[in-house]
C-alpha atoms as a PDB file:
ATOM      1  CA  UNK A   1     158.953 -73.474 -67.935  1.00  0.00           C
ATOM      2  CA  UNK A   2     162.533 -74.825 -67.682  1.00  0.00           C
ATOM      3  CA  UNK A   3     162.280 -76.136 -71.225  1.00  0.00           C
ATOM      4  CA  UNK A   4     161.293 -72.790 -72.478  1.00  0.00           C
ATOM      5  CA  UNK A   5     164.023 -70.939 -70.627  1.00  0.00           C
ATOM      6  CA  UNK A   6     166.540 -73.441 -72.028  1.00  0.00           C
ATOM      7  CA  UNK A   7     165.412 -73.209 -75.576  1.00  0.00           C
ATOM      8  CA  UNK A   8     165.443 -69.174 -75.405  1.00  0.00           C
ATOM      9  CA  UNK A   9     168.904 -69.379 -74.130  1.00  0.00           C
ATOM     10  CA  UNK A  10     170.227 -71.841 -76.906  1.00  0.00           C
ATOM     11  CA  UNK A  11     168.482 -69.782 -79.545  1.00  0.00           C
ATOM     12  CA  UNK A  12     170.388 -66.738 -78.036  1.00  0.00           C
ATOM     13  CA  UNK A  13     173.851 -68.360 -77.946  1.00  0.00           C
ATOM     14  CA  UNK A  14     173.348 -69.559 -81.788  1.00  0.00           C
ATOM     15  CA  UNK A  15     172.490 -65.897 -82.670  1.00  0.00           C
ATOM     16  CA  UNK A  16     175.552 -64.490 -80.963  1.00  0.00           C
ATOM     17  CA  UNK A  17     177.997 -67.103 -82.274  1.00  0.00           C
ATOM     18  CA  UNK A  18     178.107 -68.429 -85.730  1.00  0.00           C
ATOM     19  CA  UNK A  19     180.118 -69.345 -88.697  1.00  0.00           C
ATOM     20  CA  UNK A  20     180.437 -68.209 -92.319  1.00  0.00           C
ATOM     21  CA  UNK A  21     182.181 -69.092 -95.414  1.00  0.00           C
ATOM     22  CA  UNK A  22     184.244 -67.048 -97.783  1.00  0.00           C
ATOM     23  CA  UNK A  23     186.962 -67.418-100.385  1.00  0.00           C
ATOM     24  CA  UNK A  24     190.706 -66.711-100.651  1.00  0.00           C
ATOM     25  CA  UNK A  25     191.694 -65.998-104.427  1.00  0.00           C
ATOM     26  CA  UNK A  26     195.449 -66.435-105.189  1.00  0.00           C
ATOM     27  CA  UNK A  27     196.171 -63.572-107.608  1.00  0.00           C
ATOM     28  CA  UNK A  28     199.270 -65.187-108.962  1.00  0.00           C
ATOM     29  CA  UNK A  29     198.200 -68.761-109.687  1.00  0.00           C
ATOM     30  CA  UNK A  30     194.344 -68.369-109.780  1.00  0.00           C
ATOM     31  CA  UNK A  31     193.817 -71.016-107.191  1.00  0.00           C
ATOM     32  CA  UNK A  32     190.614 -70.485-104.927  1.00  0.00           C
ATOM     33  CA  UNK A  33     190.215 -71.970-101.438  1.00  0.00           C
ATOM     34  CA  UNK A  34     187.482 -71.745 -98.909  1.00  0.00           C
ATOM     35  CA  UNK A  35     187.737 -69.667 -95.721  1.00  0.00           C
ATOM     36  CA  UNK A  36     185.789 -70.697 -92.712  1.00  0.00           C
ATOM     37  CA  UNK A  37     185.045 -67.756 -90.277  1.00  0.00           C
ATOM     38  CA  UNK A  38     183.757 -68.474 -86.585  1.00  0.00           C
ATOM     39  CA  UNK A  39     182.251 -65.702 -84.466  1.00  0.00           C
ATOM     40  CA  UNK A  40     182.693 -66.144 -80.666  1.00  0.00           C
ATOM     41  CA  UNK A  41     180.951 -64.715 -77.471  1.00  0.00           C
ATOM     42  CA  UNK A  42     182.780 -61.317 -76.836  1.00  0.00           C
ATOM     43  CA  UNK A  43     186.013 -62.307 -78.583  1.00  0.00           C
ATOM     44  CA  UNK A  44     187.553 -61.720 -82.011  1.00  0.00           C
ATOM     45  CA  UNK A  45     186.252 -63.754 -84.854  1.00  0.00           C
ATOM     46  CA  UNK A  46     188.691 -66.565 -85.941  1.00  0.00           C
ATOM     47  CA  UNK A  47     189.186 -68.020 -89.459  1.00  0.00           C
ATOM     48  CA  UNK A  48     190.679 -71.187 -90.843  1.00  0.00           C
ATOM     49  CA  UNK A  49     191.908 -71.664 -94.475  1.00  0.00           C
ATOM     50  CA  UNK A  50     193.201 -74.965 -95.853  1.00  0.00           C
ATOM     51  CA  UNK A  51     195.543 -74.087 -98.701  1.00  0.00           C
ATOM     52  CA  UNK A  52     195.803 -76.536-101.727  1.00  0.00           C
ATOM     53  CA  UNK A  53     199.111 -77.608-100.496  1.00  0.00           C
ATOM     54  CA  UNK A  54     197.242 -79.098 -97.456  1.00  0.00           C
ATOM     55  CA  UNK A  55     198.649 -76.377 -95.050  1.00  0.00           C
ATOM     56  CA  UNK A  56     196.066 -75.080 -92.441  1.00  0.00           C
ATOM     57  CA  UNK A  57     196.277 -71.336 -91.743  1.00  0.00           C
ATOM     58  CA  UNK A  58     194.555 -70.252 -88.589  1.00  0.00           C
ATOM     59  CA  UNK A  59     194.138 -66.796 -87.339  1.00  0.00           C
ATOM     60  CA  UNK A  60     191.833 -64.163 -85.965  1.00  0.00           C
ATOM     61  CA  UNK A  61     190.130 -60.859 -87.279  1.00  0.00           C
ATOM     62  CA  UNK A  62     190.609 -57.575 -85.628  1.00  0.00           C
ATOM     63  CA  UNK A  63     187.660 -55.257 -86.268  1.00  0.00           C
ATOM     64  CA  UNK A  64     188.972 -51.774 -86.007  1.00  0.00           C
ATOM     65  CA  UNK A  65     188.999 -48.304 -87.631  1.00  0.00           C
ATOM     66  CA  UNK A  66     186.010 -46.329 -88.285  1.00  0.00           C
ATOM     67  CA  UNK A  67     184.093 -45.567 -91.261  1.00  0.00           C
ATOM     68  CA  UNK A  68     185.888 -43.773 -94.188  1.00  0.00           C
ATOM     69  CA  UNK A  69     184.953 -40.072 -94.640  1.00  0.00           C
ATOM     70  CA  UNK A  70     187.218 -38.578 -97.319  1.00  0.00           C
ATOM     71  CA  UNK A  71     186.467 -35.425 -99.341  1.00  0.00           C
ATOM     72  CA  UNK A  72     188.802 -33.980-101.482  1.00  0.00           C
ATOM     73  CA  UNK A  73     189.820 -32.681-104.979  1.00  0.00           C
ATOM     74  CA  UNK A  74     192.726 -32.226-107.269  1.00  0.00           C
ATOM     75  CA  UNK A  75     193.523 -29.626-110.176  1.00  0.00           C
ATOM     76  CA  UNK A  76     196.342 -29.671-112.421  1.00  0.00           C
ATOM     77  CA  UNK A  77     196.953 -27.150-115.075  1.00  0.00           C
ATOM     78  CA  UNK A  78     199.894 -27.217-117.487  1.00  0.00           C
ATOM     79  CA  UNK A  79     201.152 -24.622-120.237  1.00  0.00           C
ATOM     80  CA  UNK A  80     203.964 -24.869-122.485  1.00  0.00           C
ATOM     81  CA  UNK A  81     205.515 -24.196-125.818  1.00  0.00           C
ATOM     82  CA  UNK A  82     207.677 -25.805-128.243  1.00  0.00           C
ATOM     83  CA  UNK A  83     210.030 -24.297-130.942  1.00  0.00           C
ATOM     84  CA  UNK A  84     211.263 -26.341-134.026  1.00  0.00           C
ATOM     85  CA  UNK A  85     213.699 -24.862-136.432  1.00  0.00           C
ATOM     86  CA  UNK A  86     214.336 -26.705-139.812  1.00  0.00           C
ATOM     87  CA  UNK A  87     215.645 -25.967-143.334  1.00  0.00           C
ATOM     88  CA  UNK A  88     212.146 -24.747-144.088  1.00  0.00           C
ATOM     89  CA  UNK A  89     211.795 -22.215-141.232  1.00  0.00           C
ATOM     90  CA  UNK A  90     210.835 -22.183-137.691  1.00  0.00           C
ATOM     91  CA  UNK A  91     207.658 -23.473-136.104  1.00  0.00           C
ATOM     92  CA  UNK A  92     206.316 -22.348-132.959  1.00  0.00           C
ATOM     93  CA  UNK A  93     203.475 -24.290-131.022  1.00  0.00           C
ATOM     94  CA  UNK A  94     201.836 -23.108-127.867  1.00  0.00           C
ATOM     95  CA  UNK A  95     199.547 -25.327-125.748  1.00  0.00           C
ATOM     96  CA  UNK A  96     197.344 -25.392-122.645  1.00  0.00           C
ATOM     97  CA  UNK A  97     195.505 -28.188-120.848  1.00  0.00           C
ATOM     98  CA  UNK A  98     194.019 -29.025-117.665  1.00  0.00           C
ATOM     99  CA  UNK A  99     192.491 -31.756-115.600  1.00  0.00           C
ATOM    100  CA  UNK A 100     190.165 -31.828-112.569  1.00  0.00           C
ATOM    101  CA  UNK A 101     189.295 -34.709-110.425  1.00  0.00           C
ATOM    102  CA  UNK A 102     186.876 -34.487-107.402  1.00  0.00           C
ATOM    103  CA  UNK A 103     186.550 -37.408-105.203  1.00  0.00           C
ATOM    104  CA  UNK A 104     184.370 -37.878-102.076  1.00  0.00           C
ATOM    105  CA  UNK A 105     183.263 -40.659 -99.884  1.00  0.00           C
ATOM    106  CA  UNK A 106     180.077 -40.538 -98.145  1.00  0.00           C
ATOM    107  CA  UNK A 107     180.017 -41.319 -94.484  1.00  0.00           C
ATOM    108  CA  UNK A 108     178.956 -44.944 -94.176  1.00  0.00           C
ATOM    109  CA  UNK A 109     178.412 -45.885 -90.466  1.00  0.00           C
ATOM    110  CA  UNK A 110     178.011 -49.471 -91.680  1.00  0.00           C
ATOM    111  CA  UNK A 111     181.209 -49.890 -93.449  1.00  0.00           C
ATOM    112  CA  UNK A 112     184.055 -51.102 -91.140  1.00  0.00           C
ATOM    113  CA  UNK A 113     187.771 -51.826 -91.762  1.00  0.00           C
ATOM    114  CA  UNK A 114     189.694 -54.654 -89.998  1.00  0.00           C
ATOM    115  CA  UNK A 115     192.682 -56.838 -90.344  1.00  0.00           C
ATOM    116  CA  UNK A 116     193.061 -60.620 -90.480  1.00  0.00           C
ATOM    117  CA  UNK A 117     196.316 -62.162 -89.483  1.00  0.00           C
ATOM    118  CA  UNK A 118     196.947 -65.975 -89.520  1.00  0.00           C
ATOM    119  CA  UNK A 119     199.828 -68.447 -89.474  1.00  0.00           C
ATOM    120  CA  UNK A 120     200.655 -71.873 -90.598  1.00  0.00           C
ATOM    121  CA  UNK A 121     202.707 -74.759 -89.184  1.00  0.00           C
ATOM    122  CA  UNK A 122     205.417 -74.336 -91.752  1.00  0.00           C
ATOM    123  CA  UNK A 123     205.973 -70.696 -91.114  1.00  0.00           C
ATOM    124  CA  UNK A 124     203.333 -68.890 -93.442  1.00  0.00           C
ATOM    125  CA  UNK A 125     202.176 -65.797 -92.312  1.00  0.00           C
ATOM    126  CA  UNK A 126     199.108 -64.429 -93.948  1.00  0.00           C
ATOM    127  CA  UNK A 127     198.004 -60.774 -93.367  1.00  0.00           C
ATOM    128  CA  UNK A 128     194.879 -59.225 -94.928  1.00  0.00           C
ATOM    129  CA  UNK A 129     193.013 -55.714 -94.619  1.00  0.00           C
ATOM    130  CA  UNK A 130     189.515 -55.661 -95.331  1.00  0.00           C
ATOM    131  CA  UNK A 131     186.420 -53.536 -95.311  1.00  0.00           C
ATOM    132  CA  UNK A 132     183.103 -55.070 -94.283  1.00  0.00           C
ATOM    133  CA  UNK A 133     179.543 -54.094 -93.733  1.00  0.00           C
ATOM    134  CA  UNK A 134     178.648 -53.949 -89.884  1.00  0.00           C
ATOM    135  CA  UNK A 135     177.756 -57.660 -88.500  1.00  0.00           C
ATOM    136  CA  UNK A 136     180.989 -59.177 -89.724  1.00  0.00           C
ATOM    137  CA  UNK A 137     179.531 -62.567 -89.805  1.00  0.00           C
ATOM    138  CA  UNK A 138     176.185 -61.548 -91.527  1.00  0.00           C
ATOM    139  CA  UNK A 139     177.812 -58.686 -93.488  1.00  0.00           C
ATOM    140  CA  UNK A 140     179.871 -58.866 -96.714  1.00  0.00           C
ATOM    141  CA  UNK A 141     183.409 -57.641 -97.133  1.00  0.00           C
ATOM    142  CA  UNK A 142     186.801 -58.003 -99.083  1.00  0.00           C
ATOM    143  CA  UNK A 143     190.261 -56.810 -99.060  1.00  0.00           C
ATOM    144  CA  UNK A 144     193.699 -57.487-100.323  1.00  0.00           C
ATOM    145  CA  UNK A 145     195.961 -59.979 -98.685  1.00  0.00           C
ATOM    146  CA  UNK A 146     199.814 -60.918 -98.903  1.00  0.00           C
ATOM    147  CA  UNK A 147     201.834 -63.753 -97.274  1.00  0.00           C
ATOM    148  CA  UNK A 148     205.578 -63.704 -96.296  1.00  0.00           C
ATOM    149  CA  UNK A 149     206.432 -65.905 -99.103  1.00  0.00           C
ATOM    150  CA  UNK A 150     205.450 -63.210-101.797  1.00  0.00           C
ATOM    151  CA  UNK A 151     201.952 -64.621-102.271  1.00  0.00           C
ATOM    152  CA  UNK A 152     199.166 -62.125-103.181  1.00  0.00           C
ATOM    153  CA  UNK A 153     195.605 -62.669-102.493  1.00  0.00           C
ATOM    154  CA  UNK A 154     192.064 -61.174-102.129  1.00  0.00           C
ATOM    155  CA  UNK A 155     189.711 -62.347 -99.507  1.00  0.00           C
ATOM    156  CA  UNK A 156     185.949 -62.195 -99.756  1.00  0.00           C
ATOM    157  CA  UNK A 157     183.220 -63.037 -97.466  1.00  0.00           C
END
């Protein structure tokens, strides 16, 4: 009986805590490094990135923001005329044009936004914004990142 209870508790612990891997793509150099994400009981997930320079970036992920619900449209219309005069006479041209764009995002309760922030021992600060499916460690997501040295990245998981 005790063994069954212990096995059940251990299984529950493994389901609540876990780890996953992702990638960080350097958009300026093309380098790709692995990202290790770790989930914790009741706390924010953490991450570790070992850059190709050997520097270890550690930080946390903050889940926040709700799903995007955006509905909008834009309409542009332009009219105009041009007059050209030369030795052969005068030419008048009239024109009209229009463009319309409709955009809408469907309410997706499984899409969540969040931020990642991490630091390294040599003063590097990495900040990312991401969109992910619910269940961060089990879900998939991506987003843009930048560091305080001018680096630009994309993180995927």
